[in-house]
């Protein structure tokens, strides 16, 4: 995926995730472990989109990412009971 995509008409640069991980069905704390390993492979400023189940995973992954100093860009419920979390590596 591209890191920054330029919208030539609007003149706006949108930061897109360089990785997407669908971790629905992955139990805690493995969903955070897998996310953390991916973040370790990424450069500062890169983003990862993580899709997790509602409940503990949707609370624990953002909390753990923030505790490690990363930025939670978005946490959005999905229509199929998952939660889409975008994390920017710091």
C-alpha atoms as a PDB file:
ATOM      1  CA  UNK A   1       0.000   0.000   0.000  1.00  0.00           C
ATOM      2  CA  UNK A   2       1.090   3.571  -0.492  1.00  0.00           C
ATOM      3  CA  UNK A   3       2.149   5.618   2.513  1.00  0.00           C
ATOM      4  CA  UNK A   4       0.750   8.951   1.393  1.00  0.00           C
ATOM      5  CA  UNK A   5      -1.783   9.335  -1.367  1.00  0.00           C
ATOM      6  CA  UNK A   6      -2.218  12.756  -2.890  1.00  0.00           C
ATOM      7  CA  UNK A   7      -5.671  13.902  -3.887  1.00  0.00           C
ATOM      8  CA  UNK A   8      -4.727  16.204  -6.740  1.00  0.00           C
ATOM      9  CA  UNK A   9      -8.105  17.907  -6.945  1.00  0.00           C
ATOM     10  CA  UNK A  10      -8.337  18.740  -3.251  1.00  0.00           C
ATOM     11  CA  UNK A  11      -4.580  19.155  -2.693  1.00  0.00           C
ATOM     12  CA  UNK A  12      -4.783  16.984   0.435  1.00  0.00           C
ATOM     13  CA  UNK A  13      -2.403  14.194   1.457  1.00  0.00           C
ATOM     14  CA  UNK A  14      -4.062  11.312   3.258  1.00  0.00           C
ATOM     15  CA  UNK A  15      -1.980   8.946   5.384  1.00  0.00           C
ATOM     16  CA  UNK A  16      -3.035   5.375   4.645  1.00  0.00           C
ATOM     17  CA  UNK A  17      -2.089   2.261   6.616  1.00  0.00           C
ATOM     18  CA  UNK A  18       0.919   0.378   5.250  1.00  0.00           C
ATOM     19  CA  UNK A  19      -0.455  -2.849   6.755  1.00  0.00           C
ATOM     20  CA  UNK A  20      -3.897  -4.282   7.473  1.00  0.00           C
ATOM     21  CA  UNK A  21      -4.324  -7.078  10.009  1.00  0.00           C
ATOM     22  CA  UNK A  22      -7.634  -8.878  10.500  1.00  0.00           C
ATOM     23  CA  UNK A  23      -7.313 -10.366  13.977  1.00  0.00           C
ATOM     24  CA  UNK A  24     -10.965 -11.173  14.575  1.00  0.00           C
ATOM     25  CA  UNK A  25     -11.179 -14.448  16.467  1.00  0.00           C
ATOM     26  CA  UNK A  26      -7.672 -14.024  17.910  1.00  0.00           C
ATOM     27  CA  UNK A  27      -7.784 -14.187  21.717  1.00  0.00           C
ATOM     28  CA  UNK A  28      -6.230 -11.670  24.089  1.00  0.00           C
ATOM     29  CA  UNK A  29      -3.336 -11.083  24.511  1.00  0.00           C
ATOM     30  CA  UNK A  30      -2.279 -12.643  21.188  1.00  0.00           C
ATOM     31  CA  UNK A  31      -3.994  -9.877  19.193  1.00  0.00           C
ATOM     32  CA  UNK A  32      -1.772  -7.295  20.914  1.00  0.00           C
ATOM     33  CA  UNK A  33       1.336  -9.486  20.557  1.00  0.00           C
ATOM     34  CA  UNK A  34       0.759  -9.773  16.789  1.00  0.00           C
ATOM     35  CA  UNK A  35       0.087  -6.035  16.509  1.00  0.00           C
ATOM     36  CA  UNK A  36       3.210  -5.192  18.506  1.00  0.00           C
ATOM     37  CA  UNK A  37       5.376  -7.435  16.319  1.00  0.00           C
ATOM     38  CA  UNK A  38       4.059  -5.710  13.196  1.00  0.00           C
ATOM     39  CA  UNK A  39       4.683  -2.262  14.702  1.00  0.00           C
ATOM     40  CA  UNK A  40       8.286  -3.252  15.469  1.00  0.00           C
ATOM     41  CA  UNK A  41       8.836  -3.921  11.744  1.00  0.00           C
ATOM     42  CA  UNK A  42       7.454  -0.533  10.699  1.00  0.00           C
ATOM     43  CA  UNK A  43       9.056   2.907  10.448  1.00  0.00           C
ATOM     44  CA  UNK A  44       8.022   5.783  12.702  1.00  0.00           C
ATOM     45  CA  UNK A  45       5.013   7.539  11.199  1.00  0.00           C
ATOM     46  CA  UNK A  46       3.712   4.421   9.428  1.00  0.00           C
ATOM     47  CA  UNK A  47       0.200   3.254  10.245  1.00  0.00           C
ATOM     48  CA  UNK A  48      -1.307  -0.179  10.725  1.00  0.00           C
ATOM     49  CA  UNK A  49      -5.015  -0.952  10.545  1.00  0.00           C
ATOM     50  CA  UNK A  50      -6.012  -3.685  12.976  1.00  0.00           C
ATOM     51  CA  UNK A  51      -9.457  -5.287  12.978  1.00  0.00           C
ATOM     52  CA  UNK A  52     -10.355  -6.958  16.273  1.00  0.00           C
ATOM     53  CA  UNK A  53     -13.426  -8.316  18.002  1.00  0.00           C
ATOM     54  CA  UNK A  54     -15.558  -6.059  20.180  1.00  0.00           C
ATOM     55  CA  UNK A  55     -15.056  -6.262  23.936  1.00  0.00           C
ATOM     56  CA  UNK A  56     -11.671  -6.859  25.531  1.00  0.00           C
ATOM     57  CA  UNK A  57      -9.644  -6.816  22.284  1.00  0.00           C
ATOM     58  CA  UNK A  58     -11.137  -3.476  21.204  1.00  0.00           C
ATOM     59  CA  UNK A  59     -10.210  -2.003  24.591  1.00  0.00           C
ATOM     60  CA  UNK A  60      -6.868  -3.695  25.238  1.00  0.00           C
ATOM     61  CA  UNK A  61      -5.161  -3.195  21.858  1.00  0.00           C
ATOM     62  CA  UNK A  62      -5.524   0.626  21.852  1.00  0.00           C
ATOM     63  CA  UNK A  63      -4.641   0.826  25.563  1.00  0.00           C
ATOM     64  CA  UNK A  64      -1.490  -1.253  25.030  1.00  0.00           C
ATOM     65  CA  UNK A  65      -0.490   0.723  21.934  1.00  0.00           C
ATOM     66  CA  UNK A  66      -0.841   4.039  23.785  1.00  0.00           C
ATOM     67  CA  UNK A  67       1.121   2.650  26.740  1.00  0.00           C
ATOM     68  CA  UNK A  68       3.968   1.939  24.308  1.00  0.00           C
ATOM     69  CA  UNK A  69       3.816   5.526  23.028  1.00  0.00           C
ATOM     70  CA  UNK A  70       1.953   4.970  19.748  1.00  0.00           C
ATOM     71  CA  UNK A  71      -0.906   7.156  18.496  1.00  0.00           C
ATOM     72  CA  UNK A  72      -4.447   5.813  18.081  1.00  0.00           C
ATOM     73  CA  UNK A  73      -5.676   7.560  14.942  1.00  0.00           C
ATOM     74  CA  UNK A  74      -9.123   5.913  14.851  1.00  0.00           C
ATOM     75  CA  UNK A  75     -11.174   3.252  16.576  1.00  0.00           C
ATOM     76  CA  UNK A  76     -14.342   2.647  14.587  1.00  0.00           C
ATOM     77  CA  UNK A  77     -17.030  -0.008  15.136  1.00  0.00           C
ATOM     78  CA  UNK A  78     -17.718  -2.103  12.043  1.00  0.00           C
ATOM     79  CA  UNK A  79     -21.155  -3.383  11.019  1.00  0.00           C
ATOM     80  CA  UNK A  80     -20.072  -7.030  11.500  1.00  0.00           C
ATOM     81  CA  UNK A  81     -19.253  -6.658  15.224  1.00  0.00           C
ATOM     82  CA  UNK A  82     -15.560  -5.957  14.700  1.00  0.00           C
ATOM     83  CA  UNK A  83     -13.673  -2.779  15.546  1.00  0.00           C
ATOM     84  CA  UNK A  84     -11.235  -1.105  13.120  1.00  0.00           C
ATOM     85  CA  UNK A  85      -8.263   0.459  14.934  1.00  0.00           C
ATOM     86  CA  UNK A  86      -5.677   2.576  13.124  1.00  0.00           C
ATOM     87  CA  UNK A  87      -2.379   2.931  14.982  1.00  0.00           C
ATOM     88  CA  UNK A  88       0.458   5.251  14.012  1.00  0.00           C
ATOM     89  CA  UNK A  89       3.893   4.093  15.088  1.00  0.00           C
ATOM     90  CA  UNK A  90       5.846   6.644  17.122  1.00  0.00           C
END
